[in-house]
């Protein structure tokens, strides 16, 4: 219990103390995605912009799919089509998906570094995560810019957007710390988690609105999915959708903090054993 309480308190000072190494690891993870190309990291906003433009053209302009049941007055804001609905759900999921899957292999991907260089293991995990989040952060900036230009983002919705970013950060950091330890000792954990994330994706209203589900049991299952609440908070900030109940949001915050605490304690507990397990 003492370790569980102290480990998260030591996490931030450890990251601050090794901030130079943290920055180097983050930039390395970010730039490696397009290493060797002429445009380098500029491919990130370019490919993301093209993908989002295709969503808007195909789903909103050509198919003209409208999304009902979000608590939005579509008569007043008819431009909330399926394209922007899909973008605002995909960005947080893809960030979480990529970060967690990367964390499952992080120690095995850097086995030489882990076994030969002495530095806190959590710095390597968080550095890799920051590199992934830099990539998806560019996508989020583009979505926020589009929603701001089209009038979806308002002053009243800004707190929800900020809360959504904080929630996503808590859950991503907590999950990656936990998964990184599991991945060090269990080689197949990445494949198991990939399947689990795929199930979680379709069990959340990311590519469909919750109002389309008619079966009460399925509605309950989808609402129990943390992704449902996370995406709900972010969409409340970006397109003015109805936010989850405050009690649910508070529970998500508590669960996110608990995940960070458990993850930091797990890394602290097994840091000496991780190099031998690889």
C-alpha atoms as a PDB file:
ATOM      1  CA  UNK A   1       0.000   0.000   0.000  1.00  0.00           C
ATOM      2  CA  UNK A   2       2.857   2.365   0.859  1.00  0.00           C
ATOM      3  CA  UNK A   3       4.429   1.739  -2.568  1.00  0.00           C
ATOM      4  CA  UNK A   4       1.082   2.360  -4.278  1.00  0.00           C
ATOM      5  CA  UNK A   5       0.778   5.723  -2.547  1.00  0.00           C
ATOM      6  CA  UNK A   6       4.367   6.905  -2.977  1.00  0.00           C
ATOM      7  CA  UNK A   7       5.061   5.759  -6.556  1.00  0.00           C
ATOM      8  CA  UNK A   8       2.684   8.211  -8.287  1.00  0.00           C
ATOM      9  CA  UNK A   9       3.977  11.045  -6.098  1.00  0.00           C
ATOM     10  CA  UNK A  10       7.511  10.267  -7.290  1.00  0.00           C
ATOM     11  CA  UNK A  11       6.492   9.941 -10.954  1.00  0.00           C
ATOM     12  CA  UNK A  12       6.319  13.651 -11.805  1.00  0.00           C
ATOM     13  CA  UNK A  13       9.588  14.601 -10.001  1.00  0.00           C
ATOM     14  CA  UNK A  14      11.335  11.712 -11.781  1.00  0.00           C
ATOM     15  CA  UNK A  15      10.095  12.889 -15.169  1.00  0.00           C
ATOM     16  CA  UNK A  16      11.094  16.482 -14.423  1.00  0.00           C
ATOM     17  CA  UNK A  17      14.555  15.406 -13.265  1.00  0.00           C
ATOM     18  CA  UNK A  18      15.104  13.475 -16.515  1.00  0.00           C
ATOM     19  CA  UNK A  19      13.306  15.980 -18.738  1.00  0.00           C
ATOM     20  CA  UNK A  20      16.146  16.220 -21.278  1.00  0.00           C
ATOM     21  CA  UNK A  21      16.187  12.447 -21.810  1.00  0.00           C
ATOM     22  CA  UNK A  22      12.390  12.456 -21.844  1.00  0.00           C
ATOM     23  CA  UNK A  23      12.377  15.044 -24.619  1.00  0.00           C
ATOM     24  CA  UNK A  24      14.953  13.139 -26.655  1.00  0.00           C
ATOM     25  CA  UNK A  25      13.004   9.885 -26.374  1.00  0.00           C
ATOM     26  CA  UNK A  26       9.753  11.634 -27.293  1.00  0.00           C
ATOM     27  CA  UNK A  27      11.252  13.287 -30.378  1.00  0.00           C
ATOM     28  CA  UNK A  28      12.879  10.018 -31.430  1.00  0.00           C
ATOM     29  CA  UNK A  29       9.546   8.174 -31.200  1.00  0.00           C
ATOM     30  CA  UNK A  30       7.774  10.968 -33.081  1.00  0.00           C
ATOM     31  CA  UNK A  31      10.310  11.400 -35.885  1.00  0.00           C
ATOM     32  CA  UNK A  32      10.828   7.650 -36.391  1.00  0.00           C
ATOM     33  CA  UNK A  33       7.335   7.325 -37.887  1.00  0.00           C
ATOM     34  CA  UNK A  34       8.453   9.011 -41.119  1.00  0.00           C
ATOM     35  CA  UNK A  35      12.214   8.514 -40.854  1.00  0.00           C
ATOM     36  CA  UNK A  36      13.971   8.586 -44.220  1.00  0.00           C
ATOM     37  CA  UNK A  37      11.234  10.507 -46.055  1.00  0.00           C
ATOM     38  CA  UNK A  38      11.812  13.943 -47.577  1.00  0.00           C
ATOM     39  CA  UNK A  39       8.991  15.669 -45.693  1.00  0.00           C
ATOM     40  CA  UNK A  40       9.634  13.894 -42.389  1.00  0.00           C
ATOM     41  CA  UNK A  41       7.128  14.748 -39.651  1.00  0.00           C
ATOM     42  CA  UNK A  42       5.233  17.045 -42.043  1.00  0.00           C
ATOM     43  CA  UNK A  43       3.638  13.885 -43.427  1.00  0.00           C
ATOM     44  CA  UNK A  44       1.648  13.693 -40.183  1.00  0.00           C
ATOM     45  CA  UNK A  45      -0.530  16.806 -40.709  1.00  0.00           C
ATOM     46  CA  UNK A  46      -0.595  16.240 -44.467  1.00  0.00           C
ATOM     47  CA  UNK A  47      -1.901  12.662 -44.322  1.00  0.00           C
ATOM     48  CA  UNK A  48      -4.247  13.514 -41.440  1.00  0.00           C
ATOM     49  CA  UNK A  49      -5.677  16.497 -43.304  1.00  0.00           C
ATOM     50  CA  UNK A  50      -6.320  14.402 -46.416  1.00  0.00           C
ATOM     51  CA  UNK A  51      -8.012  11.682 -44.367  1.00  0.00           C
ATOM     52  CA  UNK A  52     -10.270  14.171 -42.575  1.00  0.00           C
ATOM     53  CA  UNK A  53     -11.115  15.904 -45.852  1.00  0.00           C
ATOM     54  CA  UNK A  54     -12.186  12.547 -47.306  1.00  0.00           C
ATOM     55  CA  UNK A  55     -14.431  11.931 -44.276  1.00  0.00           C
ATOM     56  CA  UNK A  56     -16.111  15.309 -44.735  1.00  0.00           C
ATOM     57  CA  UNK A  57     -16.561  14.970 -48.487  1.00  0.00           C
ATOM     58  CA  UNK A  58     -17.787  11.362 -48.532  1.00  0.00           C
ATOM     59  CA  UNK A  59     -19.943  11.217 -45.402  1.00  0.00           C
ATOM     60  CA  UNK A  60     -21.131  14.813 -45.039  1.00  0.00           C
ATOM     61  CA  UNK A  61     -21.151  16.267 -48.572  1.00  0.00           C
ATOM     62  CA  UNK A  62     -21.903  13.227 -50.779  1.00  0.00           C
ATOM     63  CA  UNK A  63     -23.863  10.847 -48.532  1.00  0.00           C
ATOM     64  CA  UNK A  64     -25.163  13.746 -46.380  1.00  0.00           C
ATOM     65  CA  UNK A  65     -25.432  11.514 -43.318  1.00  0.00           C
ATOM     66  CA  UNK A  66     -26.764  13.384 -40.285  1.00  0.00           C
ATOM     67  CA  UNK A  67     -26.133  12.212 -36.755  1.00  0.00           C
ATOM     68  CA  UNK A  68     -29.182  12.157 -34.500  1.00  0.00           C
ATOM     69  CA  UNK A  69     -29.328  11.714 -30.751  1.00  0.00           C
ATOM     70  CA  UNK A  70     -26.321  13.827 -29.725  1.00  0.00           C
ATOM     71  CA  UNK A  71     -28.272  16.571 -28.014  1.00  0.00           C
ATOM     72  CA  UNK A  72     -27.451  18.959 -30.871  1.00  0.00           C
ATOM     73  CA  UNK A  73     -30.028  21.108 -32.637  1.00  0.00           C
ATOM     74  CA  UNK A  74     -29.415  19.954 -36.192  1.00  0.00           C
ATOM     75  CA  UNK A  75     -31.890  22.480 -37.556  1.00  0.00           C
ATOM     76  CA  UNK A  76     -29.714  25.267 -36.141  1.00  0.00           C
ATOM     77  CA  UNK A  77     -26.414  23.558 -36.901  1.00  0.00           C
ATOM     78  CA  UNK A  78     -26.982  21.359 -39.972  1.00  0.00           C
ATOM     79  CA  UNK A  79     -23.236  21.098 -40.660  1.00  0.00           C
ATOM     80  CA  UNK A  80     -22.771  18.533 -37.877  1.00  0.00           C
ATOM     81  CA  UNK A  81     -22.605  15.599 -40.242  1.00  0.00           C
ATOM     82  CA  UNK A  82     -21.184  12.120 -39.894  1.00  0.00           C
ATOM     83  CA  UNK A  83     -17.763  13.268 -41.097  1.00  0.00           C
ATOM     84  CA  UNK A  84     -17.042  15.553 -38.142  1.00  0.00           C
ATOM     85  CA  UNK A  85     -18.765  13.103 -35.787  1.00  0.00           C
ATOM     86  CA  UNK A  86     -16.380  10.376 -36.932  1.00  0.00           C
ATOM     87  CA  UNK A  87     -13.297  12.618 -36.672  1.00  0.00           C
ATOM     88  CA  UNK A  88     -14.030  13.666 -33.096  1.00  0.00           C
ATOM     89  CA  UNK A  89     -14.366  10.027 -32.050  1.00  0.00           C
ATOM     90  CA  UNK A  90     -11.413   8.602 -33.951  1.00  0.00           C
ATOM     91  CA  UNK A  91      -8.773  11.057 -32.723  1.00  0.00           C
ATOM     92  CA  UNK A  92      -8.916  10.107 -29.006  1.00  0.00           C
ATOM     93  CA  UNK A  93      -9.276   6.398 -29.758  1.00  0.00           C
ATOM     94  CA  UNK A  94      -6.338   6.272 -32.163  1.00  0.00           C
ATOM     95  CA  UNK A  95      -4.154   8.130 -29.659  1.00  0.00           C
ATOM     96  CA  UNK A  96      -5.020   5.633 -26.918  1.00  0.00           C
ATOM     97  CA  UNK A  97      -4.762   2.643 -29.268  1.00  0.00           C
ATOM     98  CA  UNK A  98      -1.315   3.547 -30.628  1.00  0.00           C
ATOM     99  CA  UNK A  99       0.099   4.510 -27.225  1.00  0.00           C
ATOM    100  CA  UNK A 100      -1.070   1.342 -25.469  1.00  0.00           C
ATOM    101  CA  UNK A 101       0.108  -0.992 -28.237  1.00  0.00           C
ATOM    102  CA  UNK A 102       3.468   0.790 -28.358  1.00  0.00           C
ATOM    103  CA  UNK A 103       3.783   0.480 -24.561  1.00  0.00           C
ATOM    104  CA  UNK A 104       3.177  -3.280 -24.730  1.00  0.00           C
ATOM    105  CA  UNK A 105       6.419  -3.626 -26.713  1.00  0.00           C
ATOM    106  CA  UNK A 106       8.400  -0.665 -25.403  1.00  0.00           C
ATOM    107  CA  UNK A 107      10.903  -2.572 -23.248  1.00  0.00           C
ATOM    108  CA  UNK A 108      11.396  -5.298 -25.861  1.00  0.00           C
ATOM    109  CA  UNK A 109      11.875  -2.676 -28.586  1.00  0.00           C
ATOM    110  CA  UNK A 110      14.596  -0.991 -26.533  1.00  0.00           C
ATOM    111  CA  UNK A 111      16.079  -4.103 -24.951  1.00  0.00           C
ATOM    112  CA  UNK A 112      19.693  -2.983 -25.417  1.00  0.00           C
ATOM    113  CA  UNK A 113      18.990   0.387 -23.837  1.00  0.00           C
ATOM    114  CA  UNK A 114      17.104  -1.154 -20.928  1.00  0.00           C
ATOM    115  CA  UNK A 115      19.758  -3.740 -20.150  1.00  0.00           C
ATOM    116  CA  UNK A 116      22.854  -1.553 -20.537  1.00  0.00           C
ATOM    117  CA  UNK A 117      21.846   1.947 -19.409  1.00  0.00           C
ATOM    118  CA  UNK A 118      20.676   2.744 -15.906  1.00  0.00           C
ATOM    119  CA  UNK A 119      17.757   5.187 -15.834  1.00  0.00           C
ATOM    120  CA  UNK A 120      14.164   5.045 -14.533  1.00  0.00           C
ATOM    121  CA  UNK A 121      12.007   2.725 -16.632  1.00  0.00           C
ATOM    122  CA  UNK A 122       9.029   5.094 -16.464  1.00  0.00           C
ATOM    123  CA  UNK A 123      11.038   7.710 -18.402  1.00  0.00           C
ATOM    124  CA  UNK A 124      11.309   5.331 -21.363  1.00  0.00           C
ATOM    125  CA  UNK A 125       7.596   4.491 -21.236  1.00  0.00           C
ATOM    126  CA  UNK A 126       6.392   8.090 -20.932  1.00  0.00           C
ATOM    127  CA  UNK A 127       8.916   9.281 -23.525  1.00  0.00           C
ATOM    128  CA  UNK A 128       7.572   6.813 -26.072  1.00  0.00           C
ATOM    129  CA  UNK A 129       4.011   7.787 -25.173  1.00  0.00           C
ATOM    130  CA  UNK A 130       4.774  11.487 -25.632  1.00  0.00           C
ATOM    131  CA  UNK A 131       6.163  10.751 -29.085  1.00  0.00           C
ATOM    132  CA  UNK A 132       2.911   9.019 -30.037  1.00  0.00           C
ATOM    133  CA  UNK A 133       0.826  11.827 -28.522  1.00  0.00           C
ATOM    134  CA  UNK A 134       2.786  14.451 -30.468  1.00  0.00           C
ATOM    135  CA  UNK A 135       1.639  12.722 -33.661  1.00  0.00           C
ATOM    136  CA  UNK A 136      -1.999  12.545 -32.584  1.00  0.00           C
ATOM    137  CA  UNK A 137      -1.793  15.994 -31.000  1.00  0.00           C
ATOM    138  CA  UNK A 138      -1.347  17.435 -34.485  1.00  0.00           C
ATOM    139  CA  UNK A 139      -4.514  15.610 -35.554  1.00  0.00           C
ATOM    140  CA  UNK A 140      -6.374  17.010 -32.527  1.00  0.00           C
ATOM    141  CA  UNK A 141      -5.216  20.555 -33.340  1.00  0.00           C
ATOM    142  CA  UNK A 142      -6.550  20.158 -36.868  1.00  0.00           C
ATOM    143  CA  UNK A 143      -9.920  18.888 -35.609  1.00  0.00           C
ATOM    144  CA  UNK A 144     -10.161  21.719 -33.052  1.00  0.00           C
ATOM    145  CA  UNK A 145      -9.295  24.251 -35.762  1.00  0.00           C
ATOM    146  CA  UNK A 146     -11.993  22.872 -38.067  1.00  0.00           C
ATOM    147  CA  UNK A 147     -14.594  22.840 -35.293  1.00  0.00           C
ATOM    148  CA  UNK A 148     -13.635  26.401 -34.284  1.00  0.00           C
ATOM    149  CA  UNK A 149     -13.860  27.724 -37.854  1.00  0.00           C
ATOM    150  CA  UNK A 150     -17.251  26.054 -38.407  1.00  0.00           C
ATOM    151  CA  UNK A 151     -18.607  27.391 -35.111  1.00  0.00           C
ATOM    152  CA  UNK A 152     -18.871  24.097 -33.235  1.00  0.00           C
ATOM    153  CA  UNK A 153     -16.466  25.120 -30.477  1.00  0.00           C
ATOM    154  CA  UNK A 154     -17.858  27.820 -28.202  1.00  0.00           C
ATOM    155  CA  UNK A 155     -16.623  29.509 -25.034  1.00  0.00           C
ATOM    156  CA  UNK A 156     -19.062  27.389 -23.021  1.00  0.00           C
ATOM    157  CA  UNK A 157     -17.678  24.161 -24.492  1.00  0.00           C
ATOM    158  CA  UNK A 158     -13.996  24.965 -23.845  1.00  0.00           C
ATOM    159  CA  UNK A 159     -14.009  23.501 -20.282  1.00  0.00           C
ATOM    160  CA  UNK A 160     -15.354  20.210 -21.644  1.00  0.00           C
ATOM    161  CA  UNK A 161     -12.642  20.109 -24.293  1.00  0.00           C
ATOM    162  CA  UNK A 162      -9.932  20.791 -21.697  1.00  0.00           C
ATOM    163  CA  UNK A 163     -11.407  18.150 -19.397  1.00  0.00           C
ATOM    164  CA  UNK A 164     -11.458  15.664 -22.265  1.00  0.00           C
ATOM    165  CA  UNK A 165      -7.758  16.217 -22.966  1.00  0.00           C
ATOM    166  CA  UNK A 166      -6.900  15.780 -19.259  1.00  0.00           C
ATOM    167  CA  UNK A 167      -9.008  12.616 -19.031  1.00  0.00           C
ATOM    168  CA  UNK A 168      -7.384  11.153 -22.134  1.00  0.00           C
ATOM    169  CA  UNK A 169      -3.911  11.944 -20.785  1.00  0.00           C
ATOM    170  CA  UNK A 170      -4.630  10.296 -17.425  1.00  0.00           C
ATOM    171  CA  UNK A 171      -6.003   7.112 -18.971  1.00  0.00           C
ATOM    172  CA  UNK A 172      -3.274   6.886 -21.612  1.00  0.00           C
ATOM    173  CA  UNK A 173      -0.419   7.373 -19.127  1.00  0.00           C
ATOM    174  CA  UNK A 174      -1.979   4.980 -16.616  1.00  0.00           C
ATOM    175  CA  UNK A 175      -2.703   2.261 -19.164  1.00  0.00           C
ATOM    176  CA  UNK A 176       0.701   2.517 -20.823  1.00  0.00           C
ATOM    177  CA  UNK A 177       2.544   2.186 -17.513  1.00  0.00           C
ATOM    178  CA  UNK A 178       0.522  -0.919 -16.596  1.00  0.00           C
ATOM    179  CA  UNK A 179       0.768  -2.465 -20.059  1.00  0.00           C
ATOM    180  CA  UNK A 180       4.518  -1.819 -20.319  1.00  0.00           C
ATOM    181  CA  UNK A 181       5.154  -3.983 -17.253  1.00  0.00           C
ATOM    182  CA  UNK A 182       2.861  -6.729 -18.538  1.00  0.00           C
ATOM    183  CA  UNK A 183       4.571  -6.643 -21.935  1.00  0.00           C
ATOM    184  CA  UNK A 184       7.999  -7.081 -20.346  1.00  0.00           C
ATOM    185  CA  UNK A 185       6.992 -10.384 -18.731  1.00  0.00           C
ATOM    186  CA  UNK A 186       4.341 -11.670 -21.169  1.00  0.00           C
ATOM    187  CA  UNK A 187       5.453 -11.624 -24.844  1.00  0.00           C
ATOM    188  CA  UNK A 188       1.917 -12.223 -26.186  1.00  0.00           C
ATOM    189  CA  UNK A 189       0.269  -9.402 -24.257  1.00  0.00           C
ATOM    190  CA  UNK A 190       0.447  -7.030 -27.250  1.00  0.00           C
ATOM    191  CA  UNK A 191      -1.686  -9.366 -29.387  1.00  0.00           C
ATOM    192  CA  UNK A 192      -4.227  -9.837 -26.589  1.00  0.00           C
ATOM    193  CA  UNK A 193      -4.475  -6.099 -26.025  1.00  0.00           C
ATOM    194  CA  UNK A 194      -4.862  -5.445 -29.763  1.00  0.00           C
ATOM    195  CA  UNK A 195      -7.931  -7.704 -29.819  1.00  0.00           C
ATOM    196  CA  UNK A 196      -9.267  -6.073 -26.657  1.00  0.00           C
ATOM    197  CA  UNK A 197      -8.874  -2.583 -28.123  1.00  0.00           C
ATOM    198  CA  UNK A 198     -10.672  -3.663 -31.287  1.00  0.00           C
ATOM    199  CA  UNK A 199     -13.601  -4.897 -29.189  1.00  0.00           C
ATOM    200  CA  UNK A 200     -13.558  -1.688 -27.134  1.00  0.00           C
ATOM    201  CA  UNK A 201     -13.640   0.365 -30.344  1.00  0.00           C
ATOM    202  CA  UNK A 202     -16.831  -1.226 -31.636  1.00  0.00           C
ATOM    203  CA  UNK A 203     -18.338  -1.282 -28.130  1.00  0.00           C
ATOM    204  CA  UNK A 204     -18.194   2.522 -28.020  1.00  0.00           C
ATOM    205  CA  UNK A 205     -20.248   5.033 -30.061  1.00  0.00           C
ATOM    206  CA  UNK A 206     -17.344   6.089 -32.248  1.00  0.00           C
ATOM    207  CA  UNK A 207     -18.664   5.081 -35.676  1.00  0.00           C
ATOM    208  CA  UNK A 208     -22.319   5.135 -34.619  1.00  0.00           C
ATOM    209  CA  UNK A 209     -24.426   7.270 -32.246  1.00  0.00           C
ATOM    210  CA  UNK A 210     -25.698   5.699 -29.044  1.00  0.00           C
ATOM    211  CA  UNK A 211     -29.270   6.474 -30.115  1.00  0.00           C
ATOM    212  CA  UNK A 212     -29.078   3.781 -32.814  1.00  0.00           C
ATOM    213  CA  UNK A 213     -28.830   0.995 -30.206  1.00  0.00           C
ATOM    214  CA  UNK A 214     -32.322  -0.274 -29.368  1.00  0.00           C
ATOM    215  CA  UNK A 215     -31.543  -3.187 -27.074  1.00  0.00           C
ATOM    216  CA  UNK A 216     -31.362  -2.040 -23.441  1.00  0.00           C
ATOM    217  CA  UNK A 217     -28.675  -4.556 -22.488  1.00  0.00           C
ATOM    218  CA  UNK A 218     -26.424  -3.411 -25.334  1.00  0.00           C
ATOM    219  CA  UNK A 219     -26.960   0.207 -24.319  1.00  0.00           C
ATOM    220  CA  UNK A 220     -25.852  -0.642 -20.772  1.00  0.00           C
ATOM    221  CA  UNK A 221     -22.759  -2.472 -22.053  1.00  0.00           C
ATOM    222  CA  UNK A 222     -21.763   0.429 -24.308  1.00  0.00           C
ATOM    223  CA  UNK A 223     -22.250   2.959 -21.508  1.00  0.00           C
ATOM    224  CA  UNK A 224     -19.991   0.911 -19.229  1.00  0.00           C
ATOM    225  CA  UNK A 225     -17.185   1.222 -21.770  1.00  0.00           C
ATOM    226  CA  UNK A 226     -14.779   3.963 -20.569  1.00  0.00           C
ATOM    227  CA  UNK A 227     -14.218   4.939 -24.201  1.00  0.00           C
ATOM    228  CA  UNK A 228     -17.876   5.906 -24.443  1.00  0.00           C
ATOM    229  CA  UNK A 229     -17.526   8.452 -21.651  1.00  0.00           C
ATOM    230  CA  UNK A 230     -14.138   9.718 -22.836  1.00  0.00           C
ATOM    231  CA  UNK A 231     -15.382  10.312 -26.376  1.00  0.00           C
ATOM    232  CA  UNK A 232     -18.572  11.832 -24.957  1.00  0.00           C
ATOM    233  CA  UNK A 233     -16.617  14.450 -23.001  1.00  0.00           C
ATOM    234  CA  UNK A 234     -14.423  15.314 -25.990  1.00  0.00           C
ATOM    235  CA  UNK A 235     -17.422  15.598 -28.329  1.00  0.00           C
ATOM    236  CA  UNK A 236     -19.148  17.857 -25.811  1.00  0.00           C
ATOM    237  CA  UNK A 237     -16.207  20.219 -26.174  1.00  0.00           C
ATOM    238  CA  UNK A 238     -15.740  19.930 -29.933  1.00  0.00           C
ATOM    239  CA  UNK A 239     -19.246  19.727 -31.434  1.00  0.00           C
ATOM    240  CA  UNK A 240     -21.523  20.621 -28.511  1.00  0.00           C
ATOM    241  CA  UNK A 241     -22.885  17.113 -27.936  1.00  0.00           C
ATOM    242  CA  UNK A 242     -24.608  16.335 -24.640  1.00  0.00           C
ATOM    243  CA  UNK A 243     -21.883  15.514 -22.085  1.00  0.00           C
ATOM    244  CA  UNK A 244     -21.980  12.472 -19.788  1.00  0.00           C
ATOM    245  CA  UNK A 245     -23.418  12.993 -16.283  1.00  0.00           C
ATOM    246  CA  UNK A 246     -21.068  14.790 -13.884  1.00  0.00           C
ATOM    247  CA  UNK A 247     -20.992  11.749 -11.576  1.00  0.00           C
ATOM    248  CA  UNK A 248     -19.754   9.594 -14.468  1.00  0.00           C
ATOM    249  CA  UNK A 249     -17.116  12.170 -15.407  1.00  0.00           C
ATOM    250  CA  UNK A 250     -15.937  12.327 -11.782  1.00  0.00           C
ATOM    251  CA  UNK A 251     -15.685   8.524 -11.711  1.00  0.00           C
ATOM    252  CA  UNK A 252     -13.597   8.644 -14.909  1.00  0.00           C
ATOM    253  CA  UNK A 253     -11.207  11.132 -13.322  1.00  0.00           C
ATOM    254  CA  UNK A 254     -10.837   9.004 -10.179  1.00  0.00           C
ATOM    255  CA  UNK A 255     -10.296   5.872 -12.275  1.00  0.00           C
ATOM    256  CA  UNK A 256      -7.687   7.664 -14.393  1.00  0.00           C
ATOM    257  CA  UNK A 257      -5.747   8.807 -11.322  1.00  0.00           C
ATOM    258  CA  UNK A 258      -5.975   5.280  -9.896  1.00  0.00           C
ATOM    259  CA  UNK A 259      -4.601   3.848 -13.158  1.00  0.00           C
ATOM    260  CA  UNK A 260      -1.614   6.192 -13.020  1.00  0.00           C
ATOM    261  CA  UNK A 261      -1.012   5.215  -9.386  1.00  0.00           C
ATOM    262  CA  UNK A 262      -1.185   1.481 -10.135  1.00  0.00           C
ATOM    263  CA  UNK A 263       1.006   1.850 -13.236  1.00  0.00           C
ATOM    264  CA  UNK A 264       3.666   3.893 -11.445  1.00  0.00           C
ATOM    265  CA  UNK A 265       3.669   1.437  -8.523  1.00  0.00           C
ATOM    266  CA  UNK A 266       3.985  -1.539 -10.909  1.00  0.00           C
ATOM    267  CA  UNK A 267       6.978  -0.032 -12.720  1.00  0.00           C
ATOM    268  CA  UNK A 268       8.593   0.840  -9.386  1.00  0.00           C
ATOM    269  CA  UNK A 269       7.963  -2.648  -8.000  1.00  0.00           C
ATOM    270  CA  UNK A 270       9.394  -4.588 -10.959  1.00  0.00           C
ATOM    271  CA  UNK A 271      11.954  -2.186 -12.410  1.00  0.00           C
ATOM    272  CA  UNK A 272      14.863  -4.393 -11.277  1.00  0.00           C
ATOM    273  CA  UNK A 273      13.316  -7.515 -12.826  1.00  0.00           C
ATOM    274  CA  UNK A 274      12.381  -6.033 -16.206  1.00  0.00           C
ATOM    275  CA  UNK A 275      15.885  -6.249 -17.803  1.00  0.00           C
ATOM    276  CA  UNK A 276      16.195  -9.918 -16.787  1.00  0.00           C
ATOM    277  CA  UNK A 277      12.756 -10.739 -18.230  1.00  0.00           C
ATOM    278  CA  UNK A 278      13.598  -9.486 -21.726  1.00  0.00           C
END
